[in-house]
PDB file of N, CA and C in Angstrom:
ATOM      1  N   MET A   1       9.035  55.493  32.665  1.00  0.00           N
ATOM      2  CA  MET A   1       7.795  55.454  33.424  1.00  0.00           C
ATOM      3  C   MET A   1       7.918  56.339  34.668  1.00  0.00           C
ATOM      4  N   GLN A   2       9.068  56.279  35.327  1.00  0.00           N
ATOM      5  CA  GLN A   2       9.300  57.086  36.536  1.00  0.00           C
ATOM      6  C   GLN A   2       9.224  58.578  36.197  1.00  0.00           C
ATOM      7  N   GLN A   3       9.792  58.951  35.057  1.00  0.00           N
ATOM      8  CA  GLN A   3       9.770  60.360  34.645  1.00  0.00           C
ATOM      9  C   GLN A   3       8.338  60.820  34.381  1.00  0.00           C
ATOM     10  N   LEU A   4       7.542  59.970  33.770  1.00  0.00           N
ATOM     11  CA  LEU A   4       6.144  60.295  33.501  1.00  0.00           C
ATOM     12  C   LEU A   4       5.372  60.473  34.808  1.00  0.00           C
ATOM     13  N   LEU A   5       5.655  59.627  35.780  1.00  0.00           N
ATOM     14  CA  LEU A   5       5.008  59.727  37.085  1.00  0.00           C
ATOM     15  C   LEU A   5       5.399  61.021  37.793  1.00  0.00           C
ATOM     16  N   GLN A   6       6.663  61.385  37.720  1.00  0.00           N
ATOM     17  CA  GLN A   6       7.128  62.631  38.335  1.00  0.00           C
ATOM     18  C   GLN A   6       6.486  63.839  37.663  1.00  0.00           C
ATOM     19  N   GLN A   7       6.370  63.780  36.342  1.00  0.00           N
ATOM     20  CA  GLN A   7       5.750  64.866  35.602  1.00  0.00           C
ATOM     21  C   GLN A   7       4.271  65.004  35.993  1.00  0.00           C
ATOM     22  N   ALA A   8       3.581  63.903  36.141  1.00  0.00           N
ATOM     23  CA  ALA A   8       2.171  63.934  36.547  1.00  0.00           C
ATOM     24  C   ALA A   8       2.025  64.501  37.956  1.00  0.00           C
ATOM     25  N   GLN A   9       2.925  64.136  38.865  1.00  0.00           N
ATOM     26  CA  GLN A   9       2.877  64.661  40.231  1.00  0.00           C
ATOM     27  C   GLN A   9       3.127  66.169  40.238  1.00  0.00           C
ATOM     28  N   LYS A  10       4.059  66.620  39.415  1.00  0.00           N
ATOM     29  CA  LYS A  10       4.348  68.054  39.331  1.00  0.00           C
ATOM     30  C   LYS A  10       3.130  68.808  38.813  1.00  0.00           C
ATOM     31  N   MET A  11       2.499  68.268  37.772  1.00  0.00           N
ATOM     32  CA  MET A  11       1.303  68.907  37.227  1.00  0.00           C
ATOM     33  C   MET A  11       0.179  68.946  38.260  1.00  0.00           C
ATOM     34  N   GLN A  12       0.058  67.879  39.038  1.00  0.00           N
ATOM     35  CA  GLN A  12      -0.970  67.826  40.071  1.00  0.00           C
ATOM     36  C   GLN A  12      -0.713  68.904  41.129  1.00  0.00           C
ATOM     37  N   GLN A  13       0.534  69.088  41.510  1.00  0.00           N
ATOM     38  CA  GLN A  13       0.883  70.120  42.489  1.00  0.00           C
ATOM     39  C   GLN A  13       0.601  71.514  41.932  1.00  0.00           C
ATOM     40  N   GLU A  14       0.955  71.739  40.670  1.00  0.00           N
ATOM     41  CA  GLU A  14       0.702  73.040  40.046  1.00  0.00           C
ATOM     42  C   GLU A  14      -0.791  73.317  39.944  1.00  0.00           C
ATOM     43  N   LEU A  15      -1.566  72.305  39.627  1.00  0.00           N
ATOM     44  CA  LEU A  15      -3.013  72.457  39.541  1.00  0.00           C
ATOM     45  C   LEU A  15      -3.602  72.792  40.911  1.00  0.00           C
ATOM     46  N   ALA A  16      -3.147  72.105  41.948  1.00  0.00           N
ATOM     47  CA  ALA A  16      -3.625  72.381  43.307  1.00  0.00           C
ATOM     48  C   ALA A  16      -3.273  73.813  43.721  1.00  0.00           C
ATOM     49  N   GLN A  17      -2.072  74.259  43.377  1.00  0.00           N
ATOM     50  CA  GLN A  17      -1.672  75.628  43.703  1.00  0.00           C
ATOM     51  C   GLN A  17      -2.553  76.638  42.974  1.00  0.00           C
ATOM     52  N   ALA A  18      -2.821  76.383  41.700  1.00  0.00           N
ATOM     53  CA  ALA A  18      -3.661  77.287  40.919  1.00  0.00           C
ATOM     54  C   ALA A  18      -5.078  77.344  41.487  1.00  0.00           C
ATOM     55  N   GLN A  19      -5.609  76.208  41.908  1.00  0.00           N
ATOM     56  CA  GLN A  19      -6.951  76.178  42.491  1.00  0.00           C
ATOM     57  C   GLN A  19      -6.994  76.942  43.810  1.00  0.00           C
ATOM     58  N   GLU A  20      -5.959  76.830  44.616  1.00  0.00           N
ATOM     59  CA  GLU A  20      -5.896  77.586  45.871  1.00  0.00           C
ATOM     60  C   GLU A  20      -5.839  79.080  45.590  1.00  0.00           C
ATOM     61  N   GLU A  21      -5.055  79.453  44.595  1.00  0.00           N
ATOM     62  CA  GLU A  21      -4.959  80.863  44.225  1.00  0.00           C
ATOM     63  C   GLU A  21      -6.304  81.389  43.737  1.00  0.00           C
ATOM     64  N   LEU A  22      -7.021  80.587  42.960  1.00  0.00           N
ATOM     65  CA  LEU A  22      -8.347  80.986  42.494  1.00  0.00           C
ATOM     66  C   LEU A  22      -9.300  81.212  43.660  1.00  0.00           C
ATOM     67  N   ALA A  23      -9.239  80.357  44.649  1.00  0.00           N
ATOM     68  CA  ALA A  23     -10.130  80.480  45.803  1.00  0.00           C
ATOM     69  C   ALA A  23      -9.856  81.771  46.578  1.00  0.00           C
ATOM     70  N   ARG A  24      -8.617  82.268  46.508  1.00  0.00           N
ATOM     71  CA  ARG A  24      -8.254  83.497  47.230  1.00  0.00           C
ATOM     72  C   ARG A  24      -8.486  84.753  46.403  1.00  0.00           C
ATOM     73  N   THR A  25      -8.580  84.622  45.095  1.00  0.00           N
ATOM     74  CA  THR A  25      -8.703  85.775  44.205  1.00  0.00           C
ATOM     75  C   THR A  25     -10.176  86.142  44.050  1.00  0.00           C
ATOM     76  N   GLU A  26     -10.469  87.442  44.143  1.00  0.00           N
ATOM     77  CA  GLU A  26     -11.837  87.905  43.988  1.00  0.00           C
ATOM     78  C   GLU A  26     -11.973  88.729  42.711  1.00  0.00           C
ATOM     79  N   VAL A  27     -13.098  88.567  42.032  1.00  0.00           N
ATOM     80  CA  VAL A  27     -13.421  89.344  40.841  1.00  0.00           C
ATOM     81  C   VAL A  27     -14.818  89.924  41.009  1.00  0.00           C
ATOM     82  N   ASP A  28     -15.065  91.026  40.318  1.00  0.00           N
ATOM     83  CA  ASP A  28     -16.344  91.725  40.432  1.00  0.00           C
ATOM     84  C   ASP A  28     -17.133  91.644  39.144  1.00  0.00           C
ATOM     85  N   GLY A  29     -18.424  91.839  39.292  1.00  0.00           N
ATOM     86  CA  GLY A  29     -19.332  92.006  38.169  1.00  0.00           C
ATOM     87  C   GLY A  29     -20.338  93.065  38.571  1.00  0.00           C
ATOM     88  N   GLN A  30     -20.881  93.778  37.604  1.00  0.00           N
ATOM     89  CA  GLN A  30     -21.827  94.833  37.946  1.00  0.00           C
ATOM     90  C   GLN A  30     -22.981  94.876  36.961  1.00  0.00           C
ATOM     91  N   ALA A  31     -24.037  95.537  37.387  1.00  0.00           N
ATOM     92  CA  ALA A  31     -25.213  95.714  36.539  1.00  0.00           C
ATOM     93  C   ALA A  31     -25.828  97.071  36.847  1.00  0.00           C
ATOM     94  N   GLY A  32     -26.637  97.550  35.932  1.00  0.00           N
ATOM     95  CA  GLY A  32     -27.312  98.829  36.153  1.00  0.00           C
ATOM     96  C   GLY A  32     -26.338  99.984  36.237  1.00  0.00           C
ATOM     97  N   GLY A  33     -25.283  99.935  35.437  1.00  0.00           N
ATOM     98  CA  GLY A  33     -24.300 101.020  35.467  1.00  0.00           C
ATOM     99  C   GLY A  33     -23.577 101.116  36.796  1.00  0.00           C
ATOM    100  N   GLY A  34     -23.436  99.998  37.477  1.00  0.00           N
ATOM    101  CA  GLY A  34     -22.718  99.982  38.755  1.00  0.00           C
ATOM    102  C   GLY A  34     -23.622 100.112  39.967  1.00  0.00           C
ATOM    103  N   LEU A  35     -24.935 100.149  39.761  1.00  0.00           N
ATOM    104  CA  LEU A  35     -25.844 100.248  40.899  1.00  0.00           C
ATOM    105  C   LEU A  35     -25.812  98.986  41.757  1.00  0.00           C
ATOM    106  N   VAL A  36     -25.534  97.854  41.133  1.00  0.00           N
ATOM    107  CA  VAL A  36     -25.417  96.584  41.864  1.00  0.00           C
ATOM    108  C   VAL A  36     -24.080  95.963  41.469  1.00  0.00           C
ATOM    109  N   ARG A  37     -23.278  95.633  42.494  1.00  0.00           N
ATOM    110  CA  ARG A  37     -21.971  95.011  42.260  1.00  0.00           C
ATOM    111  C   ARG A  37     -21.890  93.719  43.063  1.00  0.00           C
ATOM    112  N   ALA A  38     -21.444  92.664  42.392  1.00  0.00           N
ATOM    113  CA  ALA A  38     -21.263  91.369  43.045  1.00  0.00           C
ATOM    114  C   ALA A  38     -19.787  91.009  43.000  1.00  0.00           C
ATOM    115  N   THR A  39     -19.330  90.376  44.064  1.00  0.00           N
ATOM    116  CA  THR A  39     -17.950  89.903  44.140  1.00  0.00           C
ATOM    117  C   THR A  39     -17.985  88.401  44.344  1.00  0.00           C
ATOM    118  N   VAL A  40     -17.240  87.680  43.504  1.00  0.00           N
ATOM    119  CA  VAL A  40     -17.104  86.231  43.640  1.00  0.00           C
ATOM    120  C   VAL A  40     -15.619  85.909  43.691  1.00  0.00           C
ATOM    121  N   ASN A  41     -15.295  84.746  44.265  1.00  0.00           N
ATOM    122  CA  ASN A  41     -13.903  84.324  44.194  1.00  0.00           C
ATOM    123  C   ASN A  41     -13.693  83.609  42.865  1.00  0.00           C
ATOM    124  N   GLY A  42     -12.456  83.265  42.582  1.00  0.00           N
ATOM    125  CA  GLY A  42     -12.128  82.648  41.310  1.00  0.00           C
ATOM    126  C   GLY A  42     -12.794  81.307  41.086  1.00  0.00           C
ATOM    127  N   SER A  43     -13.335  80.729  42.148  1.00  0.00           N
ATOM    128  CA  SER A  43     -14.065  79.468  42.027  1.00  0.00           C
ATOM    129  C   SER A  43     -15.553  79.692  41.774  1.00  0.00           C
ATOM    130  N   GLY A  44     -15.973  80.964  41.767  1.00  0.00           N
ATOM    131  CA  GLY A  44     -17.367  81.284  41.492  1.00  0.00           C
ATOM    132  C   GLY A  44     -18.244  81.399  42.725  1.00  0.00           C
ATOM    133  N   GLU A  45     -17.647  81.374  43.913  1.00  0.00           N
ATOM    134  CA  GLU A  45     -18.412  81.486  45.163  1.00  0.00           C
ATOM    135  C   GLU A  45     -18.715  82.958  45.443  1.00  0.00           C
ATOM    136  N   LEU A  46     -19.993  83.286  45.635  1.00  0.00           N
ATOM    137  CA  LEU A  46     -20.401  84.657  45.920  1.00  0.00           C
ATOM    138  C   LEU A  46     -19.824  85.098  47.259  1.00  0.00           C
ATOM    139  N   ARG A  47     -19.056  86.193  47.249  1.00  0.00           N
ATOM    140  CA  ARG A  47     -18.390  86.673  48.461  1.00  0.00           C
ATOM    141  C   ARG A  47     -18.955  87.999  48.958  1.00  0.00           C
ATOM    142  N   GLY A  48     -19.598  88.758  48.077  1.00  0.00           N
ATOM    143  CA  GLY A  48     -20.134  90.037  48.500  1.00  0.00           C
ATOM    144  C   GLY A  48     -21.119  90.588  47.486  1.00  0.00           C
ATOM    145  N   LEU A  49     -21.994  91.458  47.976  1.00  0.00           N
ATOM    146  CA  LEU A  49     -22.993  92.086  47.129  1.00  0.00           C
ATOM    147  C   LEU A  49     -23.219  93.497  47.648  1.00  0.00           C
ATOM    148  N   VAL A  50     -23.082  94.492  46.772  1.00  0.00           N
ATOM    149  CA  VAL A  50     -23.279  95.891  47.149  1.00  0.00           C
ATOM    150  C   VAL A  50     -24.388  96.455  46.282  1.00  0.00           C
ATOM    151  N   ILE A  51     -25.396  97.025  46.944  1.00  0.00           N
ATOM    152  CA  ILE A  51     -26.533  97.607  46.234  1.00  0.00           C
ATOM    153  C   ILE A  51     -26.593  99.086  46.574  1.00  0.00           C
ATOM    154  N   ASP A  52     -26.473  99.916  45.560  1.00  0.00           N
ATOM    155  CA  ASP A  52     -26.586 101.357  45.741  1.00  0.00           C
ATOM    156  C   ASP A  52     -28.035 101.666  46.127  1.00  0.00           C
ATOM    157  N   PRO A  53     -28.239 102.513  47.127  1.00  0.00           N
ATOM    158  CA  PRO A  53     -29.613 102.845  47.536  1.00  0.00           C
ATOM    159  C   PRO A  53     -30.486 103.368  46.394  1.00  0.00           C
ATOM    160  N   LYS A  54     -29.877 103.961  45.374  1.00  0.00           N
ATOM    161  CA  LYS A  54     -30.650 104.454  44.224  1.00  0.00           C
ATOM    162  C   LYS A  54     -31.343 103.320  43.478  1.00  0.00           C
ATOM    163  N   ALA A  55     -30.833 102.098  43.639  1.00  0.00           N
ATOM    164  CA  ALA A  55     -31.413 100.946  42.936  1.00  0.00           C
ATOM    165  C   ALA A  55     -32.623 100.377  43.656  1.00  0.00           C
ATOM    166  N   VAL A  56     -32.884 100.846  44.860  1.00  0.00           N
ATOM    167  CA  VAL A  56     -33.953 100.273  45.678  1.00  0.00           C
ATOM    168  C   VAL A  56     -35.234 101.095  45.520  1.00  0.00           C
ATOM    169  N   ASP A  57     -36.217 100.475  44.925  1.00  0.00           N
ATOM    170  CA  ASP A  57     -37.544 101.072  44.777  1.00  0.00           C
ATOM    171  C   ASP A  57     -38.535 100.068  45.351  1.00  0.00           C
ATOM    172  N   PRO A  58     -39.133 100.362  46.517  1.00  0.00           N
ATOM    173  CA  PRO A  58     -40.056  99.412  47.135  1.00  0.00           C
ATOM    174  C   PRO A  58     -41.207  99.007  46.217  1.00  0.00           C
ATOM    175  N   GLU A  59     -41.513  99.838  45.236  1.00  0.00           N
ATOM    176  CA  GLU A  59     -42.598  99.548  44.303  1.00  0.00           C
ATOM    177  C   GLU A  59     -42.155  98.598  43.186  1.00  0.00           C
ATOM    178  N   ASP A  60     -40.832  98.420  43.039  1.00  0.00           N
ATOM    179  CA  ASP A  60     -40.317  97.638  41.910  1.00  0.00           C
ATOM    180  C   ASP A  60     -39.142  96.758  42.356  1.00  0.00           C
ATOM    181  N   THR A  61     -39.432  95.784  43.172  1.00  0.00           N
ATOM    182  CA  THR A  61     -38.370  94.884  43.631  1.00  0.00           C
ATOM    183  C   THR A  61     -37.931  93.918  42.534  1.00  0.00           C
ATOM    184  N   GLU A  62     -38.759  93.742  41.533  1.00  0.00           N
ATOM    185  CA  GLU A  62     -38.422  92.839  40.429  1.00  0.00           C
ATOM    186  C   GLU A  62     -37.191  93.337  39.660  1.00  0.00           C
ATOM    187  N   THR A  63     -37.122  94.639  39.411  1.00  0.00           N
ATOM    188  CA  THR A  63     -35.960  95.201  38.717  1.00  0.00           C
ATOM    189  C   THR A  63     -34.698  95.022  39.547  1.00  0.00           C
ATOM    190  N   LEU A  64     -34.802  95.238  40.837  1.00  0.00           N
ATOM    191  CA  LEU A  64     -33.648  95.044  41.718  1.00  0.00           C
ATOM    192  C   LEU A  64     -33.185  93.594  41.668  1.00  0.00           C
ATOM    193  N   ALA A  65     -34.117  92.671  41.710  1.00  0.00           N
ATOM    194  CA  ALA A  65     -33.754  91.251  41.633  1.00  0.00           C
ATOM    195  C   ALA A  65     -33.053  90.949  40.312  1.00  0.00           C
ATOM    196  N   ASP A  66     -33.544  91.527  39.210  1.00  0.00           N
ATOM    197  CA  ASP A  66     -32.903  91.331  37.911  1.00  0.00           C
ATOM    198  C   ASP A  66     -31.481  91.883  37.906  1.00  0.00           C
ATOM    199  N   LEU A  67     -31.294  93.042  38.535  1.00  0.00           N
ATOM    200  CA  LEU A  67     -29.954  93.638  38.608  1.00  0.00           C
ATOM    201  C   LEU A  67     -29.007  92.770  39.428  1.00  0.00           C
ATOM    202  N   VAL A  68     -29.503  92.202  40.519  1.00  0.00           N
ATOM    203  CA  VAL A  68     -28.676  91.325  41.347  1.00  0.00           C
ATOM    204  C   VAL A  68     -28.256  90.093  40.549  1.00  0.00           C
ATOM    205  N   VAL A  69     -29.203  89.475  39.875  1.00  0.00           N
ATOM    206  CA  VAL A  69     -28.894  88.290  39.065  1.00  0.00           C
ATOM    207  C   VAL A  69     -27.871  88.636  37.985  1.00  0.00           C
ATOM    208  N   ALA A  70     -28.060  89.766  37.314  1.00  0.00           N
ATOM    209  CA  ALA A  70     -27.145  90.168  36.247  1.00  0.00           C
ATOM    210  C   ALA A  70     -25.743  90.428  36.794  1.00  0.00           C
ATOM    211  N   ALA A  71     -25.642  91.055  37.945  1.00  0.00           N
ATOM    212  CA  ALA A  71     -24.330  91.336  38.540  1.00  0.00           C
ATOM    213  C   ALA A  71     -23.624  90.049  38.944  1.00  0.00           C
ATOM    214  N   VAL A  72     -24.359  89.109  39.517  1.00  0.00           N
ATOM    215  CA  VAL A  72     -23.764  87.827  39.910  1.00  0.00           C
ATOM    216  C   VAL A  72     -23.328  87.052  38.668  1.00  0.00           C
ATOM    217  N   GLN A  73     -24.139  87.077  37.634  1.00  0.00           N
ATOM    218  CA  GLN A  73     -23.765  86.391  36.397  1.00  0.00           C
ATOM    219  C   GLN A  73     -22.506  87.008  35.787  1.00  0.00           C
ATOM    220  N   ALA A  74     -22.416  88.333  35.792  1.00  0.00           N
ATOM    221  CA  ALA A  74     -21.233  89.006  35.252  1.00  0.00           C
ATOM    222  C   ALA A  74     -19.993  88.640  36.063  1.00  0.00           C
ATOM    223  N   ALA A  75     -20.134  88.595  37.385  1.00  0.00           N
ATOM    224  CA  ALA A  75     -19.001  88.227  38.237  1.00  0.00           C
ATOM    225  C   ALA A  75     -18.584  86.790  37.973  1.00  0.00           C
ATOM    226  N   ASN A  76     -19.547  85.900  37.800  1.00  0.00           N
ATOM    227  CA  ASN A  76     -19.224  84.498  37.514  1.00  0.00           C
ATOM    228  C   ASN A  76     -18.556  84.341  36.147  1.00  0.00           C
ATOM    229  N   GLU A  77     -18.968  85.127  35.170  1.00  0.00           N
ATOM    230  CA  GLU A  77     -18.292  85.086  33.870  1.00  0.00           C
ATOM    231  C   GLU A  77     -16.836  85.516  34.020  1.00  0.00           C
ATOM    232  N   ASN A  78     -16.601  86.546  34.832  1.00  0.00           N
ATOM    233  CA  ASN A  78     -15.227  86.985  35.075  1.00  0.00           C
ATOM    234  C   ASN A  78     -14.435  85.908  35.809  1.00  0.00           C
ATOM    235  N   ALA A  79     -15.078  85.210  36.728  1.00  0.00           N
ATOM    236  CA  ALA A  79     -14.406  84.116  37.448  1.00  0.00           C
ATOM    237  C   ALA A  79     -14.054  82.984  36.480  1.00  0.00           C
ATOM    238  N   GLN A  80     -14.938  82.684  35.537  1.00  0.00           N
ATOM    239  CA  GLN A  80     -14.656  81.633  34.566  1.00  0.00           C
ATOM    240  C   GLN A  80     -13.491  82.014  33.660  1.00  0.00           C
ATOM    241  N   GLN A  81     -13.408  83.286  33.295  1.00  0.00           N
ATOM    242  CA  GLN A  81     -12.267  83.746  32.499  1.00  0.00           C
ATOM    243  C   GLN A  81     -10.975  83.594  33.296  1.00  0.00           C
ATOM    244  N   LEU A  82     -11.033  83.927  34.581  1.00  0.00           N
ATOM    245  CA  LEU A  82      -9.867  83.779  35.446  1.00  0.00           C
ATOM    246  C   LEU A  82      -9.476  82.311  35.562  1.00  0.00           C
ATOM    247  N   GLN A  83     -10.471  81.424  35.695  1.00  0.00           N
ATOM    248  CA  GLN A  83     -10.191  79.986  35.747  1.00  0.00           C
ATOM    249  C   GLN A  83      -9.486  79.534  34.475  1.00  0.00           C
ATOM    250  N   GLN A  84      -9.966  80.008  33.346  1.00  0.00           N
ATOM    251  CA  GLN A  84      -9.370  79.621  32.065  1.00  0.00           C
ATOM    252  C   GLN A  84      -7.920  80.088  31.992  1.00  0.00           C
ATOM    253  N   GLN A  85      -7.661  81.305  32.471  1.00  0.00           N
ATOM    254  CA  GLN A  85      -6.298  81.834  32.445  1.00  0.00           C
ATOM    255  C   GLN A  85      -5.374  81.030  33.348  1.00  0.00           C
ATOM    256  N   LYS A  86      -5.858  80.684  34.537  1.00  0.00           N
ATOM    257  CA  LYS A  86      -5.016  80.006  35.523  1.00  0.00           C
ATOM    258  C   LYS A  86      -4.905  78.512  35.279  1.00  0.00           C
ATOM    259  N   LEU A  87      -6.020  77.878  34.938  1.00  0.00           N
ATOM    260  CA  LEU A  87      -6.036  76.420  34.845  1.00  0.00           C
ATOM    261  C   LEU A  87      -5.918  75.905  33.419  1.00  0.00           C
ATOM    262  N   GLY A  88      -6.269  76.723  32.443  1.00  0.00           N
ATOM    263  CA  GLY A  88      -6.232  76.287  31.058  1.00  0.00           C
ATOM    264  C   GLY A  88      -4.904  75.684  30.640  1.00  0.00           C
ATOM    265  N   PRO A  89      -3.790  76.403  30.846  1.00  0.00           N
ATOM    266  CA  PRO A  89      -2.501  75.836  30.450  1.00  0.00           C
ATOM    267  C   PRO A  89      -2.158  74.539  31.190  1.00  0.00           C
ATOM    268  N   LEU A  90      -2.602  74.427  32.428  1.00  0.00           N
ATOM    269  CA  LEU A  90      -2.300  73.215  33.196  1.00  0.00           C
ATOM    270  C   LEU A  90      -3.116  72.032  32.716  1.00  0.00           C
ATOM    271  N   THR A  91      -4.396  72.275  32.414  1.00  0.00           N
ATOM    272  CA  THR A  91      -5.254  71.160  32.008  1.00  0.00           C
ATOM    273  C   THR A  91      -5.033  70.749  30.565  1.00  0.00           C
ATOM    274  N   GLU A  92      -4.464  71.639  29.742  1.00  0.00           N
ATOM    275  CA  GLU A  92      -4.163  71.270  28.362  1.00  0.00           C
ATOM    276  C   GLU A  92      -3.179  70.115  28.319  1.00  0.00           C
ATOM    277  N   GLY A  93      -2.271  70.091  29.288  1.00  0.00           N
ATOM    278  CA  GLY A  93      -1.306  69.001  29.362  1.00  0.00           C
ATOM    279  C   GLY A  93      -1.927  67.695  29.803  1.00  0.00           C
ATOM    280  N   LEU A  94      -3.174  67.760  30.258  1.00  0.00           N
ATOM    281  CA  LEU A  94      -3.874  66.562  30.711  1.00  0.00           C
ATOM    282  C   LEU A  94      -4.940  66.134  29.709  1.00  0.00           C
ATOM    283  N   GLY A  95      -4.773  66.516  28.473  1.00  0.00           N
ATOM    284  CA  GLY A  95      -5.714  66.081  27.443  1.00  0.00           C
ATOM    285  C   GLY A  95      -6.848  67.052  27.205  1.00  0.00           C
ATOM    286  N   GLY A  96      -6.689  68.308  27.624  1.00  0.00           N
ATOM    287  CA  GLY A  96      -7.675  69.321  27.274  1.00  0.00           C
ATOM    288  C   GLY A  96      -8.705  69.623  28.330  1.00  0.00           C
ATOM    289  N   GLY A  97      -8.677  68.980  29.461  1.00  0.00           N
ATOM    290  CA  GLY A  97      -9.655  69.316  30.488  1.00  0.00           C
ATOM    291  C   GLY A  97      -9.640  68.346  31.636  1.00  0.00           C
ATOM    292  N   MET A  98     -10.270  68.792  32.699  1.00  0.00           N
ATOM    293  CA  MET A  98     -10.385  67.974  33.895  1.00  0.00           C
ATOM    294  C   MET A  98     -11.861  67.818  34.212  1.00  0.00           C
ATOM    295  N   PRO A  99     -12.332  66.619  34.483  1.00  0.00           N
ATOM    296  CA  PRO A  99     -13.734  66.445  34.853  1.00  0.00           C
ATOM    297  C   PRO A  99     -14.055  67.242  36.112  1.00  0.00           C
ATOM    298  N   GLY A 100     -15.212  67.868  36.124  1.00  0.00           N
ATOM    299  CA  GLY A 100     -15.643  68.600  37.309  1.00  0.00           C
ATOM    300  C   GLY A 100     -15.254  70.060  37.310  1.00  0.00           C
ATOM    301  N   LEU A 101     -14.387  70.496  36.395  1.00  0.00           N
ATOM    302  CA  LEU A 101     -14.034  71.900  36.314  1.00  0.00           C
ATOM    303  C   LEU A 101     -14.826  72.528  35.186  1.00  0.00           C
ATOM    304  N   ARG A 102     -15.390  73.708  35.452  1.00  0.00           N
ATOM    305  CA  ARG A 102     -16.180  74.399  34.450  1.00  0.00           C
ATOM    306  C   ARG A 102     -15.280  75.320  33.646  1.00  0.00           C
ATOM    307  N   PHE A 103     -15.307  75.158  32.320  1.00  0.00           N
ATOM    308  CA  PHE A 103     -14.581  76.052  31.438  1.00  0.00           C
ATOM    309  C   PHE A 103     -15.482  76.498  30.326  1.00  0.00           C
TER     310      PHE A 103
END
């Protein structure tokens, strides 16, 4: 029983370390051939947004909004892949997943 408890504590520490690393790691997503780029951290928090002036048309803000949404979605997909890489092996030992984590 003591060994099982120690193993669970070790896994908990490794999971906490992986989550901290995810929060520090940034990934990008882009849309419109790179006209709009979004940066999120590994937890999916939006950290930056770059819009090329060529993407800005005062007559068509709807397209720009679509590009922003697409870039953020692409960045979040990359963050989810990063989460799977970092946390997947750790959570598999806990029965295949942890409540509250998106995979």
